[in-house]
PDB file of N, CA and C in Angstrom:
ATOM      1  N   UNK A   1     -36.764 -24.191 -38.887  1.00  0.00           N
ATOM      2  CA  UNK A   1     -35.645 -23.983 -39.432  1.00  0.00           C
ATOM      3  C   UNK A   1     -33.832 -24.686 -38.652  1.00  0.00           C
ATOM      4  N   UNK A   2     -33.527 -25.555 -39.517  1.00  0.00           N
ATOM      5  CA  UNK A   2     -32.165 -26.111 -39.131  1.00  0.00           C
ATOM      6  C   UNK A   2     -30.756 -24.932 -39.203  1.00  0.00           C
ATOM      7  N   UNK A   3     -29.928 -25.424 -38.164  1.00  0.00           N
ATOM      8  CA  UNK A   3     -28.990 -24.726 -38.399  1.00  0.00           C
ATOM      9  C   UNK A   3     -27.983 -24.500 -39.404  1.00  0.00           C
ATOM     10  N   UNK A   4     -28.166 -25.094 -40.455  1.00  0.00           N
ATOM     11  CA  UNK A   4     -27.710 -24.775 -41.728  1.00  0.00           C
ATOM     12  C   UNK A   4     -28.454 -24.096 -42.441  1.00  0.00           C
ATOM     13  N   UNK A   5     -29.533 -24.181 -42.057  1.00  0.00           N
ATOM     14  CA  UNK A   5     -30.728 -23.325 -43.209  1.00  0.00           C
ATOM     15  C   UNK A   5     -30.426 -21.723 -42.456  1.00  0.00           C
ATOM     16  N   UNK A   6     -29.947 -21.459 -41.175  1.00  0.00           N
ATOM     17  CA  UNK A   6     -30.218 -20.239 -40.779  1.00  0.00           C
ATOM     18  C   UNK A   6     -28.948 -19.498 -41.125  1.00  0.00           C
ATOM     19  N   UNK A   7     -27.917 -20.424 -41.484  1.00  0.00           N
ATOM     20  CA  UNK A   7     -26.676 -20.010 -41.914  1.00  0.00           C
ATOM     21  C   UNK A   7     -26.524 -19.681 -43.756  1.00  0.00           C
ATOM     22  N   UNK A   8     -27.196 -20.269 -44.004  1.00  0.00           N
ATOM     23  CA  UNK A   8     -27.228 -20.473 -45.589  1.00  0.00           C
ATOM     24  C   UNK A   8     -28.013 -18.696 -45.771  1.00  0.00           C
ATOM     25  N   UNK A   9     -29.268 -18.646 -45.170  1.00  0.00           N
ATOM     26  CA  UNK A   9     -30.174 -17.155 -45.070  1.00  0.00           C
ATOM     27  C   UNK A   9     -28.815 -16.110 -44.576  1.00  0.00           C
ATOM     28  N   UNK A  10     -28.427 -16.265 -43.518  1.00  0.00           N
ATOM     29  CA  UNK A  10     -27.499 -15.094 -43.342  1.00  0.00           C
ATOM     30  C   UNK A  10     -26.138 -14.607 -44.230  1.00  0.00           C
ATOM     31  N   UNK A  11     -25.855 -15.874 -45.005  1.00  0.00           N
ATOM     32  CA  UNK A  11     -24.505 -15.706 -45.879  1.00  0.00           C
ATOM     33  C   UNK A  11     -25.416 -15.136 -47.120  1.00  0.00           C
ATOM     34  N   UNK A  12     -26.604 -15.277 -47.559  1.00  0.00           N
ATOM     35  CA  UNK A  12     -26.951 -14.770 -48.139  1.00  0.00           C
ATOM     36  C   UNK A  12     -27.456 -13.008 -48.265  1.00  0.00           C
ATOM     37  N   UNK A  13     -27.969 -12.960 -46.869  1.00  0.00           N
ATOM     38  CA  UNK A  13     -28.361 -11.804 -46.916  1.00  0.00           C
ATOM     39  C   UNK A  13     -26.514 -10.638 -46.756  1.00  0.00           C
ATOM     40  N   UNK A  14     -25.887 -11.575 -45.907  1.00  0.00           N
ATOM     41  CA  UNK A  14     -24.770 -10.989 -45.893  1.00  0.00           C
ATOM     42  C   UNK A  14     -24.412 -10.448 -48.088  1.00  0.00           C
ATOM     43  N   UNK A  15     -23.942 -11.522 -48.836  1.00  0.00           N
ATOM     44  CA  UNK A  15     -24.207 -11.341 -49.740  1.00  0.00           C
ATOM     45  C   UNK A  15     -24.489  -9.838 -50.387  1.00  0.00           C
ATOM     46  N   UNK A  16     -25.862 -10.280 -50.165  1.00  0.00           N
ATOM     47  CA  UNK A  16     -26.854  -9.091 -50.854  1.00  0.00           C
ATOM     48  C   UNK A  16     -26.516  -7.330 -50.499  1.00  0.00           C
ATOM     49  N   UNK A  17     -26.017  -7.846 -48.584  1.00  0.00           N
ATOM     50  CA  UNK A  17     -25.216  -6.290 -48.248  1.00  0.00           C
ATOM     51  C   UNK A  17     -24.078  -6.142 -48.383  1.00  0.00           C
ATOM     52  N   UNK A  18     -22.858  -7.034 -48.814  1.00  0.00           N
ATOM     53  CA  UNK A  18     -22.073  -6.485 -49.886  1.00  0.00           C
ATOM     54  C   UNK A  18     -21.755  -5.723 -50.750  1.00  0.00           C
ATOM     55  N   UNK A  19     -22.464  -6.323 -51.677  1.00  0.00           N
ATOM     56  CA  UNK A  19     -23.059  -5.515 -52.980  1.00  0.00           C
ATOM     57  C   UNK A  19     -23.650  -4.287 -52.525  1.00  0.00           C
ATOM     58  N   UNK A  20     -24.721  -4.349 -52.165  1.00  0.00           N
ATOM     59  CA  UNK A  20     -24.928  -3.117 -51.991  1.00  0.00           C
ATOM     60  C   UNK A  20     -24.256  -1.940 -50.809  1.00  0.00           C
ATOM     61  N   UNK A  21     -23.343  -2.306 -50.132  1.00  0.00           N
ATOM     62  CA  UNK A  21     -22.026  -1.365 -49.639  1.00  0.00           C
ATOM     63  C   UNK A  21     -21.289  -1.107 -50.927  1.00  0.00           C
ATOM     64  N   UNK A  22     -20.501  -1.890 -51.601  1.00  0.00           N
ATOM     65  CA  UNK A  22     -19.892  -2.193 -52.267  1.00  0.00           C
ATOM     66  C   UNK A  22     -20.225  -0.516 -53.757  1.00  0.00           C
ATOM     67  N   UNK A  23     -21.419  -1.564 -54.626  1.00  0.00           N
ATOM     68  CA  UNK A  23     -21.982  -0.741 -55.104  1.00  0.00           C
ATOM     69  C   UNK A  23     -23.018   0.492 -55.013  1.00  0.00           C
ATOM     70  N   UNK A  24     -23.348   0.639 -54.003  1.00  0.00           N
ATOM     71  CA  UNK A  24     -24.520   1.342 -53.684  1.00  0.00           C
ATOM     72  C   UNK A  24     -25.671   1.332 -54.235  1.00  0.00           C
ATOM     73  N   UNK A  25     -25.594   0.181 -53.982  1.00  0.00           N
ATOM     74  CA  UNK A  25     -27.086  -0.949 -54.845  1.00  0.00           C
ATOM     75  C   UNK A  25     -27.192  -2.432 -55.470  1.00  0.00           C
ATOM     76  N   UNK A  26     -27.923  -2.879 -56.110  1.00  0.00           N
ATOM     77  CA  UNK A  26     -27.599  -4.031 -56.918  1.00  0.00           C
ATOM     78  C   UNK A  26     -27.503  -5.417 -55.774  1.00  0.00           C
ATOM     79  N   UNK A  27     -28.375  -5.475 -54.173  1.00  0.00           N
ATOM     80  CA  UNK A  27     -28.066  -6.259 -53.586  1.00  0.00           C
ATOM     81  C   UNK A  27     -28.963  -7.497 -54.376  1.00  0.00           C
ATOM     82  N   UNK A  28     -30.527  -6.872 -54.579  1.00  0.00           N
ATOM     83  CA  UNK A  28     -31.530  -7.800 -54.788  1.00  0.00           C
ATOM     84  C   UNK A  28     -30.641  -8.750 -56.004  1.00  0.00           C
ATOM     85  N   UNK A  29     -29.962  -8.445 -56.666  1.00  0.00           N
ATOM     86  CA  UNK A  29     -29.954  -9.115 -58.138  1.00  0.00           C
ATOM     87  C   UNK A  29     -28.740  -9.962 -57.423  1.00  0.00           C
ATOM     88  N   UNK A  30     -28.255  -9.696 -56.248  1.00  0.00           N
ATOM     89  CA  UNK A  30     -27.585 -11.163 -55.478  1.00  0.00           C
ATOM     90  C   UNK A  30     -28.220 -11.780 -54.848  1.00  0.00           C
ATOM     91  N   UNK A  31     -29.154 -11.438 -53.873  1.00  0.00           N
ATOM     92  CA  UNK A  31     -30.769 -11.894 -52.954  1.00  0.00           C
ATOM     93  C   UNK A  31     -31.199 -13.001 -54.077  1.00  0.00           C
ATOM     94  N   UNK A  32     -31.749 -12.590 -54.785  1.00  0.00           N
ATOM     95  CA  UNK A  32     -33.179 -13.392 -55.163  1.00  0.00           C
ATOM     96  C   UNK A  32     -32.726 -14.946 -56.072  1.00  0.00           C
ATOM     97  N   UNK A  33     -30.990 -14.506 -56.610  1.00  0.00           N
ATOM     98  CA  UNK A  33     -31.293 -15.991 -57.132  1.00  0.00           C
ATOM     99  C   UNK A  33     -30.206 -16.926 -56.000  1.00  0.00           C
ATOM    100  N   UNK A  34     -29.517 -16.012 -55.371  1.00  0.00           N
ATOM    101  CA  UNK A  34     -29.633 -16.911 -54.004  1.00  0.00           C
ATOM    102  C   UNK A  34     -30.560 -17.697 -53.045  1.00  0.00           C
ATOM    103  N   UNK A  35     -31.430 -16.749 -52.638  1.00  0.00           N
ATOM    104  CA  UNK A  35     -32.727 -17.196 -52.230  1.00  0.00           C
ATOM    105  C   UNK A  35     -33.159 -18.241 -52.659  1.00  0.00           C
ATOM    106  N   UNK A  36     -33.047 -18.309 -53.936  1.00  0.00           N
ATOM    107  CA  UNK A  36     -34.185 -19.629 -55.020  1.00  0.00           C
ATOM    108  C   UNK A  36     -33.131 -20.867 -54.732  1.00  0.00           C
ATOM    109  N   UNK A  37     -32.086 -20.407 -55.097  1.00  0.00           N
ATOM    110  CA  UNK A  37     -31.243 -21.754 -55.652  1.00  0.00           C
ATOM    111  C   UNK A  37     -30.222 -22.045 -54.354  1.00  0.00           C
ATOM    112  N   UNK A  38     -30.275 -21.469 -53.407  1.00  0.00           N
ATOM    113  CA  UNK A  38     -29.432 -21.757 -52.297  1.00  0.00           C
ATOM    114  C   UNK A  38     -29.866 -22.101 -51.233  1.00  0.00           C
ATOM    115  N   UNK A  39     -31.532 -20.871 -50.665  1.00  0.00           N
ATOM    116  CA  UNK A  39     -32.396 -21.091 -49.550  1.00  0.00           C
ATOM    117  C   UNK A  39     -33.471 -22.020 -50.068  1.00  0.00           C
ATOM    118  N   UNK A  40     -33.454 -22.360 -51.504  1.00  0.00           N
ATOM    119  CA  UNK A  40     -34.608 -23.012 -51.681  1.00  0.00           C
ATOM    120  C   UNK A  40     -35.851 -22.347 -51.722  1.00  0.00           C
ATOM    121  N   UNK A  41     -35.865 -21.357 -51.563  1.00  0.00           N
ATOM    122  CA  UNK A  41     -37.452 -20.249 -51.475  1.00  0.00           C
ATOM    123  C   UNK A  41     -38.057 -20.415 -52.905  1.00  0.00           C
ATOM    124  N   UNK A  42     -38.890 -20.302 -53.487  1.00  0.00           N
ATOM    125  CA  UNK A  42     -40.126 -20.116 -54.910  1.00  0.00           C
ATOM    126  C   UNK A  42     -40.019 -18.615 -54.852  1.00  0.00           C
ATOM    127  N   UNK A  43     -40.078 -18.754 -56.078  1.00  0.00           N
ATOM    128  CA  UNK A  43     -39.580 -17.204 -56.880  1.00  0.00           C
ATOM    129  C   UNK A  43     -40.143 -16.408 -56.507  1.00  0.00           C
ATOM    130  N   UNK A  44     -41.474 -16.616 -55.883  1.00  0.00           N
ATOM    131  CA  UNK A  44     -42.528 -15.617 -55.696  1.00  0.00           C
ATOM    132  C   UNK A  44     -41.736 -14.954 -54.141  1.00  0.00           C
ATOM    133  N   UNK A  45     -41.651 -16.027 -53.644  1.00  0.00           N
ATOM    134  CA  UNK A  45     -40.691 -15.638 -52.122  1.00  0.00           C
ATOM    135  C   UNK A  45     -39.755 -15.040 -51.944  1.00  0.00           C
ATOM    136  N   UNK A  46     -38.759 -15.490 -53.269  1.00  0.00           N
ATOM    137  CA  UNK A  46     -37.618 -14.677 -52.875  1.00  0.00           C
ATOM    138  C   UNK A  46     -37.390 -13.381 -53.233  1.00  0.00           C
ATOM    139  N   UNK A  47     -38.502 -13.128 -54.307  1.00  0.00           N
ATOM    140  CA  UNK A  47     -38.575 -11.830 -54.971  1.00  0.00           C
ATOM    141  C   UNK A  47     -39.317 -10.624 -53.620  1.00  0.00           C
ATOM    142  N   UNK A  48     -39.841 -11.163 -53.130  1.00  0.00           N
ATOM    143  CA  UNK A  48     -40.713 -10.670 -51.975  1.00  0.00           C
ATOM    144  C   UNK A  48     -39.931 -10.284 -50.627  1.00  0.00           C
ATOM    145  N   UNK A  49     -39.519 -11.624 -50.385  1.00  0.00           N
ATOM    146  CA  UNK A  49     -37.901 -11.292 -49.029  1.00  0.00           C
ATOM    147  C   UNK A  49     -37.021 -10.357 -49.504  1.00  0.00           C
ATOM    148  N   UNK A  50     -36.913 -10.574 -51.014  1.00  0.00           N
ATOM    149  CA  UNK A  50     -35.420  -9.733 -51.481  1.00  0.00           C
ATOM    150  C   UNK A  50     -36.079  -7.913 -51.053  1.00  0.00           C
ATOM    151  N   UNK A  51     -37.044  -8.025 -51.305  1.00  0.00           N
ATOM    152  CA  UNK A  51     -37.426  -6.668 -51.333  1.00  0.00           C
ATOM    153  C   UNK A  51     -37.514  -6.219 -49.628  1.00  0.00           C
ATOM    154  N   UNK A  52     -38.286  -7.268 -48.903  1.00  0.00           N
ATOM    155  CA  UNK A  52     -37.884  -6.666 -47.580  1.00  0.00           C
ATOM    156  C   UNK A  52     -36.727  -6.591 -46.848  1.00  0.00           C
ATOM    157  N   UNK A  53     -35.837  -7.686 -47.531  1.00  0.00           N
ATOM    158  CA  UNK A  53     -34.350  -7.351 -46.998  1.00  0.00           C
ATOM    159  C   UNK A  53     -33.630  -6.385 -47.327  1.00  0.00           C
ATOM    160  N   UNK A  54     -33.596  -5.838 -48.464  1.00  0.00           N
ATOM    161  CA  UNK A  54     -32.770  -4.882 -49.025  1.00  0.00           C
ATOM    162  C   UNK A  54     -33.368  -3.341 -48.711  1.00  0.00           C
ATOM    163  N   UNK A  55     -34.279  -3.332 -48.259  1.00  0.00           N
ATOM    164  CA  UNK A  55     -35.201  -2.062 -48.096  1.00  0.00           C
ATOM    165  C   UNK A  55     -34.060  -1.829 -46.699  1.00  0.00           C
ATOM    166  N   UNK A  56     -33.894  -2.245 -45.533  1.00  0.00           N
ATOM    167  CA  UNK A  56     -32.903  -1.867 -44.458  1.00  0.00           C
ATOM    168  C   UNK A  56     -31.650  -1.754 -45.011  1.00  0.00           C
ATOM    169  N   UNK A  57     -31.118  -2.508 -46.034  1.00  0.00           N
ATOM    170  CA  UNK A  57     -29.961  -2.109 -46.459  1.00  0.00           C
ATOM    171  C   UNK A  57     -29.124  -1.438 -47.275  1.00  0.00           C
ATOM    172  N   UNK A  58     -29.997  -0.587 -47.916  1.00  0.00           N
ATOM    173  CA  UNK A  58     -30.365   0.333 -48.771  1.00  0.00           C
ATOM    174  C   UNK A  58     -30.493   1.604 -47.664  1.00  0.00           C
ATOM    175  N   UNK A  59     -31.379   1.414 -46.644  1.00  0.00           N
ATOM    176  CA  UNK A  59     -31.204   2.486 -45.153  1.00  0.00           C
ATOM    177  C   UNK A  59     -29.984   2.727 -44.959  1.00  0.00           C
ATOM    178  N   UNK A  60     -29.273   1.423 -44.584  1.00  0.00           N
ATOM    179  CA  UNK A  60     -27.809   1.873 -43.681  1.00  0.00           C
ATOM    180  C   UNK A  60     -26.851   2.194 -45.181  1.00  0.00           C
ATOM    181  N   UNK A  61     -26.724   1.827 -46.032  1.00  0.00           N
ATOM    182  CA  UNK A  61     -25.938   2.194 -47.267  1.00  0.00           C
ATOM    183  C   UNK A  61     -26.087   3.695 -47.106  1.00  0.00           C
ATOM    184  N   UNK A  62     -27.153   3.855 -47.500  1.00  0.00           N
ATOM    185  CA  UNK A  62     -27.391   5.519 -47.545  1.00  0.00           C
ATOM    186  C   UNK A  62     -26.882   6.575 -46.498  1.00  0.00           C
ATOM    187  N   UNK A  63     -27.051   5.969 -45.375  1.00  0.00           N
ATOM    188  CA  UNK A  63     -26.885   6.202 -44.121  1.00  0.00           C
ATOM    189  C   UNK A  63     -25.435   6.719 -44.070  1.00  0.00           C
ATOM    190  N   UNK A  64     -24.806   5.315 -44.539  1.00  0.00           N
ATOM    191  CA  UNK A  64     -23.144   5.618 -44.779  1.00  0.00           C
ATOM    192  C   UNK A  64     -22.367   6.638 -45.376  1.00  0.00           C
ATOM    193  N   UNK A  65     -23.321   6.739 -46.848  1.00  0.00           N
ATOM    194  CA  UNK A  65     -22.910   7.779 -47.792  1.00  0.00           C
ATOM    195  C   UNK A  65     -23.433   8.788 -47.255  1.00  0.00           C
ATOM    196  N   UNK A  66     -24.306   9.194 -46.443  1.00  0.00           N
ATOM    197  CA  UNK A  66     -24.216  10.735 -46.294  1.00  0.00           C
ATOM    198  C   UNK A  66     -23.310  11.029 -45.282  1.00  0.00           C
ATOM    199  N   UNK A  67     -23.550  10.179 -43.905  1.00  0.00           N
ATOM    200  CA  UNK A  67     -22.494  10.888 -42.907  1.00  0.00           C
ATOM    201  C   UNK A  67     -20.950  11.076 -43.539  1.00  0.00           C
ATOM    202  N   UNK A  68     -20.644  10.227 -44.456  1.00  0.00           N
ATOM    203  CA  UNK A  68     -19.593  10.188 -45.059  1.00  0.00           C
ATOM    204  C   UNK A  68     -19.161  11.374 -46.881  1.00  0.00           C
ATOM    205  N   UNK A  69     -20.324  11.907 -46.200  1.00  0.00           N
ATOM    206  CA  UNK A  69     -20.700  13.719 -47.566  1.00  0.00           C
ATOM    207  C   UNK A  69     -20.584  12.946 -48.789  1.00  0.00           C
ATOM    208  N   UNK A  70     -21.152  11.465 -48.969  1.00  0.00           N
ATOM    209  CA  UNK A  70     -21.713  11.620 -50.260  1.00  0.00           C
ATOM    210  C   UNK A  70     -22.631  11.319 -50.957  1.00  0.00           C
ATOM    211  N   UNK A  71     -23.777  11.877 -50.354  1.00  0.00           N
ATOM    212  CA  UNK A  71     -25.092  11.924 -51.079  1.00  0.00           C
ATOM    213  C   UNK A  71     -25.528  13.343 -50.456  1.00  0.00           C
ATOM    214  N   UNK A  72     -26.317  13.535 -51.519  1.00  0.00           N
ATOM    215  CA  UNK A  72     -27.152  14.678 -51.687  1.00  0.00           C
ATOM    216  C   UNK A  72     -28.894  14.576 -51.385  1.00  0.00           C
ATOM    217  N   UNK A  73     -29.085  14.445 -50.482  1.00  0.00           N
ATOM    218  CA  UNK A  73     -30.246  14.160 -50.325  1.00  0.00           C
ATOM    219  C   UNK A  73     -31.746  15.029 -50.948  1.00  0.00           C
ATOM    220  N   UNK A  74     -31.486  15.928 -51.055  1.00  0.00           N
ATOM    221  CA  UNK A  74     -32.453  17.524 -52.137  1.00  0.00           C
ATOM    222  C   UNK A  74     -31.731  16.711 -53.558  1.00  0.00           C
ATOM    223  N   UNK A  75     -30.766  16.285 -54.286  1.00  0.00           N
ATOM    224  CA  UNK A  75     -31.015  15.660 -55.450  1.00  0.00           C
ATOM    225  C   UNK A  75     -31.184  14.165 -55.266  1.00  0.00           C
ATOM    226  N   UNK A  76     -31.255  13.485 -54.327  1.00  0.00           N
ATOM    227  CA  UNK A  76     -32.309  12.684 -54.343  1.00  0.00           C
ATOM    228  C   UNK A  76     -33.564  12.189 -54.474  1.00  0.00           C
ATOM    229  N   UNK A  77     -34.003  13.491 -53.576  1.00  0.00           N
ATOM    230  CA  UNK A  77     -35.735  13.402 -53.484  1.00  0.00           C
ATOM    231  C   UNK A  77     -36.207  13.267 -55.060  1.00  0.00           C
ATOM    232  N   UNK A  78     -36.491  13.243 -55.783  1.00  0.00           N
ATOM    233  CA  UNK A  78     -36.993  12.947 -56.666  1.00  0.00           C
ATOM    234  C   UNK A  78     -36.910  11.742 -56.973  1.00  0.00           C
ATOM    235  N   UNK A  79     -36.076  11.407 -57.336  1.00  0.00           N
ATOM    236  CA  UNK A  79     -35.632  10.180 -57.426  1.00  0.00           C
ATOM    237  C   UNK A  79     -36.464   8.910 -56.431  1.00  0.00           C
ATOM    238  N   UNK A  80     -36.173   9.277 -55.266  1.00  0.00           N
ATOM    239  CA  UNK A  80     -37.032   8.642 -53.984  1.00  0.00           C
ATOM    240  C   UNK A  80     -38.580   8.692 -54.450  1.00  0.00           C
ATOM    241  N   UNK A  81     -39.286  10.326 -54.672  1.00  0.00           N
ATOM    242  CA  UNK A  81     -40.259  10.244 -54.531  1.00  0.00           C
ATOM    243  C   UNK A  81     -41.286   9.422 -56.128  1.00  0.00           C
ATOM    244  N   UNK A  82     -40.449   8.562 -56.687  1.00  0.00           N
ATOM    245  CA  UNK A  82     -40.369   8.180 -58.747  1.00  0.00           C
ATOM    246  C   UNK A  82     -40.471   6.808 -58.175  1.00  0.00           C
ATOM    247  N   UNK A  83     -39.217   6.140 -57.230  1.00  0.00           N
ATOM    248  CA  UNK A  83     -39.175   4.779 -56.565  1.00  0.00           C
ATOM    249  C   UNK A  83     -40.025   4.426 -55.834  1.00  0.00           C
ATOM    250  N   UNK A  84     -40.715   5.074 -54.645  1.00  0.00           N
ATOM    251  CA  UNK A  84     -42.087   4.894 -54.367  1.00  0.00           C
ATOM    252  C   UNK A  84     -43.173   5.276 -54.968  1.00  0.00           C
ATOM    253  N   UNK A  85     -43.224   5.226 -56.325  1.00  0.00           N
ATOM    254  CA  UNK A  85     -44.406   5.411 -56.533  1.00  0.00           C
ATOM    255  C   UNK A  85     -44.496   3.848 -57.463  1.00  0.00           C
ATOM    256  N   UNK A  86     -42.896   3.782 -58.240  1.00  0.00           N
ATOM    257  CA  UNK A  86     -43.114   2.557 -59.292  1.00  0.00           C
ATOM    258  C   UNK A  86     -42.847   1.297 -58.431  1.00  0.00           C
ATOM    259  N   UNK A  87     -42.571   1.916 -56.939  1.00  0.00           N
ATOM    260  CA  UNK A  87     -42.657   0.280 -55.958  1.00  0.00           C
ATOM    261  C   UNK A  87     -43.859  -0.521 -55.674  1.00  0.00           C
ATOM    262  N   UNK A  88     -44.826   1.219 -55.435  1.00  0.00           N
ATOM    263  CA  UNK A  88     -45.822   0.868 -55.072  1.00  0.00           C
ATOM    264  C   UNK A  88     -46.900   0.034 -56.209  1.00  0.00           C
ATOM    265  N   UNK A  89     -46.564   0.354 -57.893  1.00  0.00           N
ATOM    266  CA  UNK A  89     -47.158  -0.060 -58.559  1.00  0.00           C
ATOM    267  C   UNK A  89     -46.480  -1.459 -59.162  1.00  0.00           C
ATOM    268  N   UNK A  90     -45.670  -1.814 -58.660  1.00  0.00           N
ATOM    269  CA  UNK A  90     -45.188  -2.894 -59.059  1.00  0.00           C
ATOM    270  C   UNK A  90     -45.592  -3.958 -58.180  1.00  0.00           C
ATOM    271  N   UNK A  91     -45.686  -3.901 -57.132  1.00  0.00           N
ATOM    272  CA  UNK A  91     -46.539  -4.495 -55.684  1.00  0.00           C
ATOM    273  C   UNK A  91     -47.484  -4.874 -55.798  1.00  0.00           C
ATOM    274  N   UNK A  92     -48.198  -4.248 -56.655  1.00  0.00           N
ATOM    275  CA  UNK A  92     -49.671  -4.403 -57.192  1.00  0.00           C
ATOM    276  C   UNK A  92     -49.756  -5.505 -58.319  1.00  0.00           C
ATOM    277  N   UNK A  93     -48.998  -4.717 -59.150  1.00  0.00           N
ATOM    278  CA  UNK A  93     -48.983  -5.844 -60.179  1.00  0.00           C
ATOM    279  C   UNK A  93     -48.610  -7.073 -60.244  1.00  0.00           C
ATOM    280  N   UNK A  94     -46.913  -6.847 -59.248  1.00  0.00           N
ATOM    281  CA  UNK A  94     -46.930  -8.225 -58.621  1.00  0.00           C
ATOM    282  C   UNK A  94     -47.566  -9.884 -58.437  1.00  0.00           C
ATOM    283  N   UNK A  95     -48.588  -9.891 -57.949  1.00  0.00           N
ATOM    284  CA  UNK A  95     -49.279 -10.562 -57.714  1.00  0.00           C
ATOM    285  C   UNK A  95     -50.386 -11.345 -58.790  1.00  0.00           C
ATOM    286  N   UNK A  96     -50.430 -10.451 -59.603  1.00  0.00           N
ATOM    287  CA  UNK A  96     -50.671 -11.065 -60.666  1.00  0.00           C
ATOM    288  C   UNK A  96     -49.958 -11.369 -62.288  1.00  0.00           C
ATOM    289  N   UNK A  97     -48.206 -11.229 -61.885  1.00  0.00           N
ATOM    290  CA  UNK A  97     -47.684 -11.797 -62.784  1.00  0.00           C
ATOM    291  C   UNK A  97     -47.342 -12.828 -62.726  1.00  0.00           C
ATOM    292  N   UNK A  98     -47.047 -13.441 -64.200  1.00  0.00           N
ATOM    293  CA  UNK A  98     -46.862 -14.926 -64.307  1.00  0.00           C
ATOM    294  C   UNK A  98     -45.329 -15.092 -64.008  1.00  0.00           C
ATOM    295  N   UNK A  99     -44.736 -15.824 -62.996  1.00  0.00           N
ATOM    296  CA  UNK A  99     -43.905 -16.463 -62.925  1.00  0.00           C
ATOM    297  C   UNK A  99     -43.116 -16.094 -63.701  1.00  0.00           C
ATOM    298  N   UNK A 100     -42.966 -17.074 -64.812  1.00  0.00           N
ATOM    299  CA  UNK A 100     -41.885 -17.013 -65.931  1.00  0.00           C
ATOM    300  C   UNK A 100     -41.453 -16.013 -66.821  1.00  0.00           C
ATOM    301  N   UNK A 101     -42.535 -14.829 -66.679  1.00  0.00           N
ATOM    302  CA  UNK A 101     -42.629 -13.725 -67.419  1.00  0.00           C
ATOM    303  C   UNK A 101     -41.375 -12.853 -66.311  1.00  0.00           C
ATOM    304  N   UNK A 102     -41.825 -13.089 -65.229  1.00  0.00           N
ATOM    305  CA  UNK A 102     -41.359 -12.503 -63.904  1.00  0.00           C
ATOM    306  C   UNK A 102     -39.659 -12.823 -64.063  1.00  0.00           C
ATOM    307  N   UNK A 103     -39.495 -13.872 -64.269  1.00  0.00           N
ATOM    308  CA  UNK A 103     -37.883 -14.508 -64.137  1.00  0.00           C
ATOM    309  C   UNK A 103     -37.417 -13.463 -65.222  1.00  0.00           C
ATOM    310  N   UNK A 104     -38.031 -13.854 -66.691  1.00  0.00           N
ATOM    311  CA  UNK A 104     -37.280 -13.126 -67.762  1.00  0.00           C
ATOM    312  C   UNK A 104     -37.074 -11.719 -67.831  1.00  0.00           C
ATOM    313  N   UNK A 105     -38.092 -11.568 -67.070  1.00  0.00           N
ATOM    314  CA  UNK A 105     -37.832  -9.886 -66.909  1.00  0.00           C
ATOM    315  C   UNK A 105     -36.622  -9.513 -66.222  1.00  0.00           C
ATOM    316  N   UNK A 106     -36.582 -10.606 -64.973  1.00  0.00           N
ATOM    317  CA  UNK A 106     -35.226  -9.737 -63.842  1.00  0.00           C
ATOM    318  C   UNK A 106     -34.083 -10.125 -64.857  1.00  0.00           C
ATOM    319  N   UNK A 107     -33.895 -11.631 -65.891  1.00  0.00           N
ATOM    320  CA  UNK A 107     -32.981 -11.634 -66.585  1.00  0.00           C
ATOM    321  C   UNK A 107     -32.491 -10.519 -67.583  1.00  0.00           C
ATOM    322  N   UNK A 108     -33.381  -9.999 -67.989  1.00  0.00           N
ATOM    323  CA  UNK A 108     -33.523  -8.754 -68.891  1.00  0.00           C
ATOM    324  C   UNK A 108     -32.660  -7.760 -67.874  1.00  0.00           C
ATOM    325  N   UNK A 109     -33.022  -7.449 -67.133  1.00  0.00           N
ATOM    326  CA  UNK A 109     -32.831  -5.841 -66.164  1.00  0.00           C
ATOM    327  C   UNK A 109     -31.555  -6.628 -65.981  1.00  0.00           C
ATOM    328  N   UNK A 110     -31.079  -7.581 -65.601  1.00  0.00           N
ATOM    329  CA  UNK A 110     -29.619  -8.101 -64.667  1.00  0.00           C
ATOM    330  C   UNK A 110     -28.218  -7.668 -66.215  1.00  0.00           C
ATOM    331  N   UNK A 111     -29.293  -8.658 -67.669  1.00  0.00           N
ATOM    332  CA  UNK A 111     -28.218  -8.449 -68.649  1.00  0.00           C
ATOM    333  C   UNK A 111     -28.098  -6.577 -69.169  1.00  0.00           C
ATOM    334  N   UNK A 112     -28.759  -6.329 -69.045  1.00  0.00           N
ATOM    335  CA  UNK A 112     -29.011  -4.746 -69.025  1.00  0.00           C
ATOM    336  C   UNK A 112     -28.179  -4.109 -68.214  1.00  0.00           C
ATOM    337  N   UNK A 113     -28.225  -4.519 -67.271  1.00  0.00           N
ATOM    338  CA  UNK A 113     -26.892  -3.412 -66.091  1.00  0.00           C
ATOM    339  C   UNK A 113     -25.829  -4.413 -66.090  1.00  0.00           C
ATOM    340  N   UNK A 114     -25.559  -5.519 -66.263  1.00  0.00           N
ATOM    341  CA  UNK A 114     -24.240  -6.234 -66.912  1.00  0.00           C
ATOM    342  C   UNK A 114     -23.355  -4.910 -68.181  1.00  0.00           C
ATOM    343  N   UNK A 115     -24.685  -5.485 -69.237  1.00  0.00           N
ATOM    344  CA  UNK A 115     -23.879  -4.886 -70.164  1.00  0.00           C
ATOM    345  C   UNK A 115     -23.315  -2.752 -69.710  1.00  0.00           C
ATOM    346  N   UNK A 116     -24.292  -2.455 -69.490  1.00  0.00           N
ATOM    347  CA  UNK A 116     -24.070  -0.812 -68.757  1.00  0.00           C
ATOM    348  C   UNK A 116     -22.673  -0.980 -68.179  1.00  0.00           C
ATOM    349  N   UNK A 117     -22.062  -1.898 -67.262  1.00  0.00           N
ATOM    350  CA  UNK A 117     -21.268  -1.740 -66.576  1.00  0.00           C
ATOM    351  C   UNK A 117     -20.104  -1.800 -67.642  1.00  0.00           C
ATOM    352  N   UNK A 118     -19.944  -2.628 -69.125  1.00  0.00           N
ATOM    353  CA  UNK A 118     -18.923  -2.294 -69.833  1.00  0.00           C
ATOM    354  C   UNK A 118     -19.100  -1.448 -70.420  1.00  0.00           C
ATOM    355  N   UNK A 119     -19.992  -0.398 -70.819  1.00  0.00           N
ATOM    356  CA  UNK A 119     -19.723   0.328 -71.770  1.00  0.00           C
ATOM    357  C   UNK A 119     -19.931   1.639 -71.259  1.00  0.00           C
ATOM    358  N   UNK A 120     -18.842   2.633 -71.632  1.00  0.00           N
ATOM    359  CA  UNK A 120     -18.924   4.093 -71.190  1.00  0.00           C
ATOM    360  C   UNK A 120     -20.110   4.848 -71.056  1.00  0.00           C
TER     361      UNK A 120
END
């Protein structure tokens, strides 16, 4: 990979990390479009890479929130268990998923999140 490619990847990761740190999540919603448009990855590679990148970013963000007193691990535990089950199931379905449909579902998820940000 040439030097410019490494820089684009690093800047894309920085944008995802900044989003995760600012909002406590959502780095994947920034990273997937950056990986496809800026870094040239296929849609399937971008989704898979995003998952691999977001895990350590989420762990880091959670540790910062924990040390600053903003995270109740026991309250988060049911969500962690449900999220792990959903992640496993989604990973199984991912391989056979039609990419245009996956893009549409991702777009709907982003729209839903955007609308929820503006509604009380």
